PDB file of N, CA and C in Angstrom:
ATOM      1  N   MET A   1       0.944  -1.015  -0.059  1.00  0.00           N
ATOM      2  CA  MET A   1      -0.099  -0.134  -0.172  1.00  0.00           C
ATOM      3  C   MET A   1       0.954   1.405   0.023  1.00  0.00           C
ATOM      4  N   PRO A   2       0.600   2.337  -0.799  1.00  0.00           N
ATOM      5  CA  PRO A   2       1.616   3.408  -1.042  1.00  0.00           C
ATOM      6  C   PRO A   2       1.329   4.650   0.294  1.00  0.00           C
ATOM      7  N   ASN A   3       0.659   4.443   0.809  1.00  0.00           N
ATOM      8  CA  ASN A   3       0.082   5.214   1.997  1.00  0.00           C
ATOM      9  C   ASN A   3       1.093   4.623   2.790  1.00  0.00           C
ATOM     10  N   ILE A   4       1.463   3.489   3.208  1.00  0.00           N
ATOM     11  CA  ILE A   4       2.172   3.022   4.244  1.00  0.00           C
ATOM     12  C   ILE A   4       3.802   3.331   3.866  1.00  0.00           C
ATOM     13  N   ILE A   5       4.369   2.918   2.766  1.00  0.00           N
ATOM     14  CA  ILE A   5       5.028   3.491   2.286  1.00  0.00           C
ATOM     15  C   ILE A   5       5.710   4.329   2.857  1.00  0.00           C
ATOM     16  N   THR A   6       4.736   5.434   2.374  1.00  0.00           N
ATOM     17  CA  THR A   6       4.862   7.331   2.615  1.00  0.00           C
ATOM     18  C   THR A   6       4.900   7.534   3.931  1.00  0.00           C
ATOM     19  N   HIS A   7       4.518   6.911   4.512  1.00  0.00           N
ATOM     20  CA  HIS A   7       4.589   7.207   6.482  1.00  0.00           C
ATOM     21  C   HIS A   7       5.570   6.723   7.135  1.00  0.00           C
ATOM     22  N   ILE A   8       5.949   5.501   6.362  1.00  0.00           N
ATOM     23  CA  ILE A   8       7.155   4.837   6.846  1.00  0.00           C
ATOM     24  C   ILE A   8       8.529   5.614   6.498  1.00  0.00           C
ATOM     25  N   LEU A   9       8.419   6.311   5.076  1.00  0.00           N
ATOM     26  CA  LEU A   9       9.737   7.359   4.452  1.00  0.00           C
ATOM     27  C   LEU A   9       9.714   8.456   5.554  1.00  0.00           C
ATOM     28  N   PHE A  10       8.600   9.210   5.851  1.00  0.00           N
ATOM     29  CA  PHE A  10       8.373  10.064   6.710  1.00  0.00           C
ATOM     30  C   PHE A  10       9.306   9.913   8.147  1.00  0.00           C
ATOM     31  N   THR A  11       8.511   8.864   8.622  1.00  0.00           N
ATOM     32  CA  THR A  11       8.830   8.430   9.735  1.00  0.00           C
ATOM     33  C   THR A  11      10.615   8.112   9.666  1.00  0.00           C
ATOM     34  N   ASP A  12      10.964   7.987   9.036  1.00  0.00           N
ATOM     35  CA  ASP A  12      12.503   7.540   8.776  1.00  0.00           C
ATOM     36  C   ASP A  12      12.998   8.468   8.507  1.00  0.00           C
ATOM     37  N   ASP A  13      12.689   9.871   7.945  1.00  0.00           N
ATOM     38  CA  ASP A  13      13.169  11.118   7.452  1.00  0.00           C
ATOM     39  C   ASP A  13      13.277  12.050   9.191  1.00  0.00           C
ATOM     40  N   VAL A  14      12.342  11.687   9.831  1.00  0.00           N
ATOM     41  CA  VAL A  14      12.213  12.764  10.719  1.00  0.00           C
ATOM     42  C   VAL A  14      13.091  11.976  11.657  1.00  0.00           C
ATOM     43  N   TYR A  15      13.129  10.381  12.065  1.00  0.00           N
ATOM     44  CA  TYR A  15      14.254   9.734  12.453  1.00  0.00           C
ATOM     45  C   TYR A  15      15.700  10.546  12.345  1.00  0.00           C
ATOM     46  N   GLU A  16      15.985  10.825  11.152  1.00  0.00           N
ATOM     47  CA  GLU A  16      17.377  10.664  10.668  1.00  0.00           C
ATOM     48  C   GLU A  16      17.610  12.185  11.422  1.00  0.00           C
ATOM     49  N   LYS A  17      16.549  12.998  11.431  1.00  0.00           N
ATOM     50  CA  LYS A  17      16.556  14.578  11.946  1.00  0.00           C
ATOM     51  C   LYS A  17      16.814  14.686  13.204  1.00  0.00           C
ATOM     52  N   LEU A  18      16.821  13.732  14.409  1.00  0.00           N
ATOM     53  CA  LEU A  18      16.856  13.941  15.611  1.00  0.00           C
ATOM     54  C   LEU A  18      18.027  14.081  16.118  1.00  0.00           C
ATOM     55  N   ASP A  19      18.015  14.629  17.022  1.00  0.00           N
ATOM     56  CA  ASP A  19      19.367  14.989  18.496  1.00  0.00           C
ATOM     57  C   ASP A  19      19.736  13.687  18.736  1.00  0.00           C
ATOM     58  N   ASP A  20      21.102  13.729  19.364  1.00  0.00           N
ATOM     59  CA  ASP A  20      21.437  12.536  19.221  1.00  0.00           C
ATOM     60  C   ASP A  20      20.854  11.746  20.573  1.00  0.00           C
ATOM     61  N   PRO A  21      20.324  12.289  22.190  1.00  0.00           N
ATOM     62  CA  PRO A  21      20.022  11.872  22.833  1.00  0.00           C
ATOM     63  C   PRO A  21      18.794  10.989  22.307  1.00  0.00           C
ATOM     64  N   LYS A  22      17.927  11.528  21.341  1.00  0.00           N
ATOM     65  CA  LYS A  22      16.739  10.670  20.884  1.00  0.00           C
ATOM     66  C   LYS A  22      16.712  10.126  19.847  1.00  0.00           C
ATOM     67  N   TYR A  23      17.503  10.282  19.221  1.00  0.00           N
ATOM     68  CA  TYR A  23      18.534   8.719  17.937  1.00  0.00           C
ATOM     69  C   TYR A  23      18.710   7.927  18.403  1.00  0.00           C
ATOM     70  N   ASP A  24      19.366   8.220  19.648  1.00  0.00           N
ATOM     71  CA  ASP A  24      20.133   7.173  20.465  1.00  0.00           C
ATOM     72  C   ASP A  24      19.088   5.773  21.137  1.00  0.00           C
ATOM     73  N   PHE A  25      18.360   6.937  21.542  1.00  0.00           N
ATOM     74  CA  PHE A  25      17.005   5.872  22.423  1.00  0.00           C
ATOM     75  C   PHE A  25      15.840   5.247  21.525  1.00  0.00           C
ATOM     76  N   LEU A  26      15.888   5.743  20.386  1.00  0.00           N
ATOM     77  CA  LEU A  26      14.911   5.291  19.247  1.00  0.00           C
ATOM     78  C   LEU A  26      15.904   4.399  18.423  1.00  0.00           C
ATOM     79  N   GLU A  27      16.801   4.051  18.495  1.00  0.00           N
ATOM     80  CA  GLU A  27      17.802   3.611  17.248  1.00  0.00           C
ATOM     81  C   GLU A  27      16.966   1.791  17.614  1.00  0.00           C
ATOM     82  N   SER A  28      17.362   1.774  18.681  1.00  0.00           N
ATOM     83  CA  SER A  28      16.635   0.172  18.440  1.00  0.00           C
ATOM     84  C   SER A  28      14.799   0.079  19.031  1.00  0.00           C
ATOM     85  N   ARG A  29      14.134   1.115  18.368  1.00  0.00           N
ATOM     86  CA  ARG A  29      12.799   0.977  18.199  1.00  0.00           C
ATOM     87  C   ARG A  29      12.037   1.597  16.991  1.00  0.00           C
ATOM     88  N   LEU A  30      13.014   1.753  16.096  1.00  0.00           N
ATOM     89  CA  LEU A  30      12.880   2.098  15.014  1.00  0.00           C
ATOM     90  C   LEU A  30      11.644   1.601  14.204  1.00  0.00           C
ATOM     91  N   GLN A  31      11.402  -0.076  14.529  1.00  0.00           N
ATOM     92  CA  GLN A  31       9.959  -0.602  13.992  1.00  0.00           C
ATOM     93  C   GLN A  31       9.005   0.257  14.514  1.00  0.00           C
ATOM     94  N   LEU A  32       8.987   0.401  15.519  1.00  0.00           N
ATOM     95  CA  LEU A  32       7.684   0.744  16.458  1.00  0.00           C
ATOM     96  C   LEU A  32       7.648   2.264  16.106  1.00  0.00           C
ATOM     97  N   MET A  33       8.513   2.733  15.734  1.00  0.00           N
ATOM     98  CA  MET A  33       8.243   4.341  15.300  1.00  0.00           C
ATOM     99  C   MET A  33       7.617   3.929  14.011  1.00  0.00           C
ATOM    100  N   GLU A  34       7.699   3.256  13.120  1.00  0.00           N
ATOM    101  CA  GLU A  34       7.604   3.354  11.991  1.00  0.00           C
ATOM    102  C   GLU A  34       5.792   2.694  11.771  1.00  0.00           C
ATOM    103  N   VAL A  35       5.533   1.793  12.709  1.00  0.00           N
ATOM    104  CA  VAL A  35       4.180   1.571  13.017  1.00  0.00           C
ATOM    105  C   VAL A  35       3.350   2.937  13.724  1.00  0.00           C
ATOM    106  N   GLY A  36       3.809   3.276  14.307  1.00  0.00           N
ATOM    107  CA  GLY A  36       3.407   4.502  15.312  1.00  0.00           C
ATOM    108  C   GLY A  36       3.211   5.230  14.263  1.00  0.00           C
ATOM    109  N   GLY A  37       3.972   5.661  13.243  1.00  0.00           N
ATOM    110  CA  GLY A  37       4.194   6.513  11.766  1.00  0.00           C
ATOM    111  C   GLY A  37       2.891   6.557  11.078  1.00  0.00           C
ATOM    112  N   ASN A  38       2.411   5.031  11.400  1.00  0.00           N
ATOM    113  CA  ASN A  38       1.278   5.335  10.436  1.00  0.00           C
ATOM    114  C   ASN A  38       0.082   4.869  10.813  1.00  0.00           C
ATOM    115  N   GLY A  39      -0.320   5.699  12.385  1.00  0.00           N
ATOM    116  CA  GLY A  39      -1.073   6.013  13.148  1.00  0.00           C
ATOM    117  C   GLY A  39      -1.835   5.094  13.031  1.00  0.00           C
ATOM    118  N   PRO A  40      -3.803   5.279  12.918  1.00  0.00           N
ATOM    119  CA  PRO A  40      -5.024   4.460  12.930  1.00  0.00           C
ATOM    120  C   PRO A  40      -4.799   3.630  12.265  1.00  0.00           C
ATOM    121  N   ASP A  41      -3.728   3.854  10.654  1.00  0.00           N
ATOM    122  CA  ASP A  41      -4.185   3.343   9.643  1.00  0.00           C
ATOM    123  C   ASP A  41      -4.731   1.994   9.156  1.00  0.00           C
ATOM    124  N   PHE A  42      -3.733   1.158  10.161  1.00  0.00           N
ATOM    125  CA  PHE A  42      -3.580  -0.516  10.209  1.00  0.00           C
ATOM    126  C   PHE A  42      -5.250  -1.117  10.588  1.00  0.00           C
ATOM    127  N   LEU A  43      -5.697  -0.174  11.322  1.00  0.00           N
ATOM    128  CA  LEU A  43      -7.042  -0.517  11.411  1.00  0.00           C
ATOM    129  C   LEU A  43      -8.144  -0.655  10.095  1.00  0.00           C
ATOM    130  N   PHE A  44      -8.156  -0.062   9.100  1.00  0.00           N
ATOM    131  CA  PHE A  44      -8.744   0.120   7.675  1.00  0.00           C
ATOM    132  C   PHE A  44      -8.477  -1.210   7.140  1.00  0.00           C
ATOM    133  N   PHE A  45      -7.237  -2.352   7.237  1.00  0.00           N
ATOM    134  CA  PHE A  45      -6.762  -3.293   6.462  1.00  0.00           C
ATOM    135  C   PHE A  45      -6.873  -4.722   7.111  1.00  0.00           C
ATOM    136  N   HIS A  46      -7.869  -4.558   8.242  1.00  0.00           N
ATOM    137  CA  HIS A  46      -8.340  -5.506   9.309  1.00  0.00           C
ATOM    138  C   HIS A  46      -8.884  -6.249   7.839  1.00  0.00           C
ATOM    139  N   ASN A  47      -8.973  -7.669   7.953  1.00  0.00           N
ATOM    140  CA  ASN A  47      -9.711  -8.329   7.041  1.00  0.00           C
ATOM    141  C   ASN A  47     -10.256  -7.806   5.686  1.00  0.00           C
ATOM    142  N   LEU A  48      -9.050  -6.998   5.091  1.00  0.00           N
ATOM    143  CA  LEU A  48      -9.940  -6.151   3.950  1.00  0.00           C
ATOM    144  C   LEU A  48      -9.780  -7.362   3.021  1.00  0.00           C
ATOM    145  N   ASN A  49     -10.749  -7.573   2.319  1.00  0.00           N
ATOM    146  CA  ASN A  49     -11.062  -7.924   0.681  1.00  0.00           C
ATOM    147  C   ASN A  49     -11.808  -7.025  -0.536  1.00  0.00           C
ATOM    148  N   PRO A  50     -11.755  -6.804  -1.328  1.00  0.00           N
ATOM    149  CA  PRO A  50     -12.435  -5.989  -2.305  1.00  0.00           C
ATOM    150  C   PRO A  50     -13.604  -5.658  -2.088  1.00  0.00           C
ATOM    151  N   THR A  51     -14.616  -7.156  -1.661  1.00  0.00           N
ATOM    152  CA  THR A  51     -16.093  -7.145  -1.728  1.00  0.00           C
ATOM    153  C   THR A  51     -16.866  -6.309  -0.466  1.00  0.00           C
ATOM    154  N   SER A  52     -15.708  -6.569   0.522  1.00  0.00           N
ATOM    155  CA  SER A  52     -16.367  -5.707   1.852  1.00  0.00           C
ATOM    156  C   SER A  52     -15.780  -4.317   2.452  1.00  0.00           C
ATOM    157  N   PHE A  53     -14.670  -4.236   1.561  1.00  0.00           N
ATOM    158  CA  PHE A  53     -13.708  -2.695   1.801  1.00  0.00           C
ATOM    159  C   PHE A  53     -14.537  -1.474   2.500  1.00  0.00           C
ATOM    160  N   MET A  54     -15.471  -1.194   2.171  1.00  0.00           N
ATOM    161  CA  MET A  54     -16.398   0.039   2.520  1.00  0.00           C
ATOM    162  C   MET A  54     -17.435  -0.438   3.770  1.00  0.00           C
ATOM    163  N   LYS A  55     -17.575  -1.761   4.220  1.00  0.00           N
ATOM    164  CA  LYS A  55     -18.116  -2.454   5.585  1.00  0.00           C
ATOM    165  C   LYS A  55     -17.492  -1.723   6.628  1.00  0.00           C
ATOM    166  N   LYS A  56     -18.449  -1.401   7.357  1.00  0.00           N
ATOM    167  CA  LYS A  56     -18.215  -0.650   8.801  1.00  0.00           C
ATOM    168  C   LYS A  56     -17.966  -1.519   9.868  1.00  0.00           C
ATOM    169  N   THR A  57     -16.714  -2.207  10.014  1.00  0.00           N
ATOM    170  CA  THR A  57     -16.239  -3.183  11.123  1.00  0.00           C
ATOM    171  C   THR A  57     -15.869  -2.323  12.477  1.00  0.00           C
ATOM    172  N   PRO A  58     -16.727  -3.255  13.331  1.00  0.00           N
ATOM    173  CA  PRO A  58     -15.643  -2.318  14.541  1.00  0.00           C
ATOM    174  C   PRO A  58     -14.451  -1.835  14.548  1.00  0.00           C
ATOM    175  N   LEU A  59     -13.238  -2.389  13.786  1.00  0.00           N
ATOM    176  CA  LEU A  59     -12.262  -1.367  13.914  1.00  0.00           C
ATOM    177  C   LEU A  59     -12.302  -0.003  12.659  1.00  0.00           C
ATOM    178  N   ARG A  60     -12.725  -0.515  11.759  1.00  0.00           N
ATOM    179  CA  ARG A  60     -12.770   0.572  10.825  1.00  0.00           C
ATOM    180  C   ARG A  60     -13.807   1.765  11.282  1.00  0.00           C
ATOM    181  N   LYS A  61     -14.617   1.877  12.521  1.00  0.00           N
ATOM    182  CA  LYS A  61     -15.377   2.314  13.214  1.00  0.00           C
ATOM    183  C   LYS A  61     -14.154   3.213  14.013  1.00  0.00           C
ATOM    184  N   LEU A  62     -13.235   2.438  14.751  1.00  0.00           N
ATOM    185  CA  LEU A  62     -12.450   2.888  15.802  1.00  0.00           C
ATOM    186  C   LEU A  62     -11.651   3.353  15.205  1.00  0.00           C
ATOM    187  N   GLY A  63     -10.920   2.994  13.798  1.00  0.00           N
ATOM    188  CA  GLY A  63     -10.357   3.812  13.289  1.00  0.00           C
ATOM    189  C   GLY A  63     -10.671   5.287  12.898  1.00  0.00           C
ATOM    190  N   MET A  64     -11.701   5.428  12.208  1.00  0.00           N
ATOM    191  CA  MET A  64     -12.526   6.615  11.837  1.00  0.00           C
ATOM    192  C   MET A  64     -12.951   7.463  13.287  1.00  0.00           C
ATOM    193  N   LYS A  65     -12.953   6.878  14.271  1.00  0.00           N
ATOM    194  CA  LYS A  65     -13.309   7.633  15.482  1.00  0.00           C
ATOM    195  C   LYS A  65     -11.844   8.440  16.007  1.00  0.00           C
ATOM    196  N   PHE A  66     -10.881   7.494  15.910  1.00  0.00           N
ATOM    197  CA  PHE A  66      -9.079   8.148  16.405  1.00  0.00           C
ATOM    198  C   PHE A  66      -9.093   9.115  15.248  1.00  0.00           C
ATOM    199  N   ILE A  67      -9.365   9.128  14.142  1.00  0.00           N
ATOM    200  CA  ILE A  67      -9.052  10.518  13.127  1.00  0.00           C
ATOM    201  C   ILE A  67     -10.053  11.570  13.517  1.00  0.00           C
ATOM    202  N   ARG A  68     -11.604  11.254  13.355  1.00  0.00           N
ATOM    203  CA  ARG A  68     -12.187  12.293  14.101  1.00  0.00           C
ATOM    204  C   ARG A  68     -11.963  13.153  15.304  1.00  0.00           C
ATOM    205  N   THR A  69     -11.570  12.497  15.964  1.00  0.00           N
ATOM    206  CA  THR A  69     -11.382  12.903  17.175  1.00  0.00           C
ATOM    207  C   THR A  69      -9.903  13.255  17.694  1.00  0.00           C
ATOM    208  N   LEU A  70      -9.193  12.029  18.034  1.00  0.00           N
ATOM    209  CA  LEU A  70      -7.426  12.605  18.698  1.00  0.00           C
ATOM    210  C   LEU A  70      -6.854  13.290  17.638  1.00  0.00           C
ATOM    211  N   LEU A  71      -6.684  12.734  16.279  1.00  0.00           N
ATOM    212  CA  LEU A  71      -5.842  13.386  15.138  1.00  0.00           C
ATOM    213  C   LEU A  71      -6.405  14.614  14.835  1.00  0.00           C
ATOM    214  N   MET A  72      -7.480  14.829  14.537  1.00  0.00           N
ATOM    215  CA  MET A  72      -8.072  16.000  14.750  1.00  0.00           C
ATOM    216  C   MET A  72      -7.995  16.956  16.003  1.00  0.00           C
ATOM    217  N   ILE A  73      -7.676  16.948  16.710  1.00  0.00           N
ATOM    218  CA  ILE A  73      -7.270  17.747  18.097  1.00  0.00           C
ATOM    219  C   ILE A  73      -5.894  18.083  17.700  1.00  0.00           C
ATOM    220  N   PHE A  74      -5.187  17.010  17.239  1.00  0.00           N
ATOM    221  CA  PHE A  74      -4.028  16.849  17.123  1.00  0.00           C
ATOM    222  C   PHE A  74      -3.383  18.352  16.342  1.00  0.00           C
ATOM    223  N   MET A  75      -4.232  17.961  14.661  1.00  0.00           N
ATOM    224  CA  MET A  75      -3.849  18.620  13.888  1.00  0.00           C
ATOM    225  C   MET A  75      -4.205  20.246  14.389  1.00  0.00           C
ATOM    226  N   GLN A  76      -5.641  20.536  14.863  1.00  0.00           N
ATOM    227  CA  GLN A  76      -5.947  21.755  15.131  1.00  0.00           C
ATOM    228  C   GLN A  76      -5.127  22.614  16.214  1.00  0.00           C
ATOM    229  N   ALA A  77      -4.117  21.555  16.926  1.00  0.00           N
ATOM    230  CA  ALA A  77      -3.228  22.358  17.237  1.00  0.00           C
ATOM    231  C   ALA A  77      -1.938  22.678  16.529  1.00  0.00           C
ATOM    232  N   LEU A  78      -1.647  22.005  15.688  1.00  0.00           N
ATOM    233  CA  LEU A  78      -0.488  22.917  14.731  1.00  0.00           C
ATOM    234  C   LEU A  78      -0.875  23.620  13.337  1.00  0.00           C
ATOM    235  N   LEU A  79      -2.230  23.603  13.705  1.00  0.00           N
ATOM    236  CA  LEU A  79      -2.154  24.760  12.493  1.00  0.00           C
ATOM    237  C   LEU A  79      -1.975  26.356  12.810  1.00  0.00           C
ATOM    238  N   PRO A  80      -2.357  26.839  13.597  1.00  0.00           N
ATOM    239  CA  PRO A  80      -2.410  28.335  14.487  1.00  0.00           C
ATOM    240  C   PRO A  80      -0.713  28.685  14.276  1.00  0.00           C
ATOM    241  N   PRO A  81       0.083  27.823  14.268  1.00  0.00           N
ATOM    242  CA  PRO A  81       1.234  28.530  14.033  1.00  0.00           C
ATOM    243  C   PRO A  81       1.647  29.128  12.478  1.00  0.00           C
ATOM    244  N   TYR A  82       1.017  27.281  11.621  1.00  0.00           N
ATOM    245  CA  TYR A  82       0.858  27.893  10.036  1.00  0.00           C
ATOM    246  C   TYR A  82       0.138  28.613   9.754  1.00  0.00           C
ATOM    247  N   LYS A  83      -1.249  28.825  10.475  1.00  0.00           N
ATOM    248  CA  LYS A  83      -2.277  29.864   9.575  1.00  0.00           C
ATOM    249  C   LYS A  83      -1.363  31.153   9.907  1.00  0.00           C
ATOM    250  N   LYS A  84      -0.631  31.582  10.873  1.00  0.00           N
ATOM    251  CA  LYS A  84       0.258  32.993  11.174  1.00  0.00           C
ATOM    252  C   LYS A  84       1.579  33.004  10.435  1.00  0.00           C
ATOM    253  N   LYS A  85       1.691  32.089  10.048  1.00  0.00           N
ATOM    254  CA  LYS A  85       3.096  31.909   8.827  1.00  0.00           C
ATOM    255  C   LYS A  85       2.865  32.619   7.408  1.00  0.00           C
ATOM    256  N   LYS A  86       1.685  31.544   7.620  1.00  0.00           N
ATOM    257  CA  LYS A  86       1.076  31.841   5.973  1.00  0.00           C
ATOM    258  C   LYS A  86       0.256  33.430   5.545  1.00  0.00           C
ATOM    259  N   ILE A  87      -0.066  33.884   6.592  1.00  0.00           N
ATOM    260  CA  ILE A  87      -0.837  35.074   6.489  1.00  0.00           C
ATOM    261  C   ILE A  87       0.746  36.340   6.466  1.00  0.00           C
ATOM    262  N   GLN A  88       1.045  36.295   7.583  1.00  0.00           N
ATOM    263  CA  GLN A  88       2.512  36.527   7.814  1.00  0.00           C
ATOM    264  C   GLN A  88       3.541  36.525   6.058  1.00  0.00           C
ATOM    265  N   LYS A  89       3.359  35.546   5.285  1.00  0.00           N
ATOM    266  CA  LYS A  89       4.131  35.507   4.237  1.00  0.00           C
ATOM    267  C   LYS A  89       3.376  36.054   2.995  1.00  0.00           C
ATOM    268  N   PHE A  90       2.165  36.522   3.049  1.00  0.00           N
ATOM    269  CA  PHE A  90       1.431  37.530   2.219  1.00  0.00           C
ATOM    270  C   PHE A  90       1.203  38.727   2.232  1.00  0.00           C
ATOM    271  N   VAL A  91       1.270  39.297   3.785  1.00  0.00           N
ATOM    272  CA  VAL A  91       1.004  40.118   4.232  1.00  0.00           C
ATOM    273  C   VAL A  91       2.292  41.123   4.888  1.00  0.00           C
ATOM    274  N   ARG A  92       2.847  41.878   3.728  1.00  0.00           N
ATOM    275  CA  ARG A  92       4.251  42.508   3.852  1.00  0.00           C
ATOM    276  C   ARG A  92       3.635  43.882   4.136  1.00  0.00           C
ATOM    277  N   ILE A  93       4.001  44.605   5.289  1.00  0.00           N
ATOM    278  CA  ILE A  93       3.597  45.744   5.933  1.00  0.00           C
ATOM    279  C   ILE A  93       5.074  46.668   5.826  1.00  0.00           C
TER     280      ILE A  93
END
């Protein structure tokens, strides 16, 4: 799945940019970091087959709940600095 690969590549990029203490701590835990970098996506692929891809299984519901609540809260926390920077980029006084 392309999204899994891109999540892992992004996680590996983040790992490479860490300072020494964090890098050393995570070195033996890189596989766990890569799994975590995929967030709740693994919930959407459990028992996946083409005939029931959109079926609302309990795990798919859990994945959507995670995305709609916890992940959304996290993303909203990231947006204010981005919005401010974006606005400053276009407003030159």
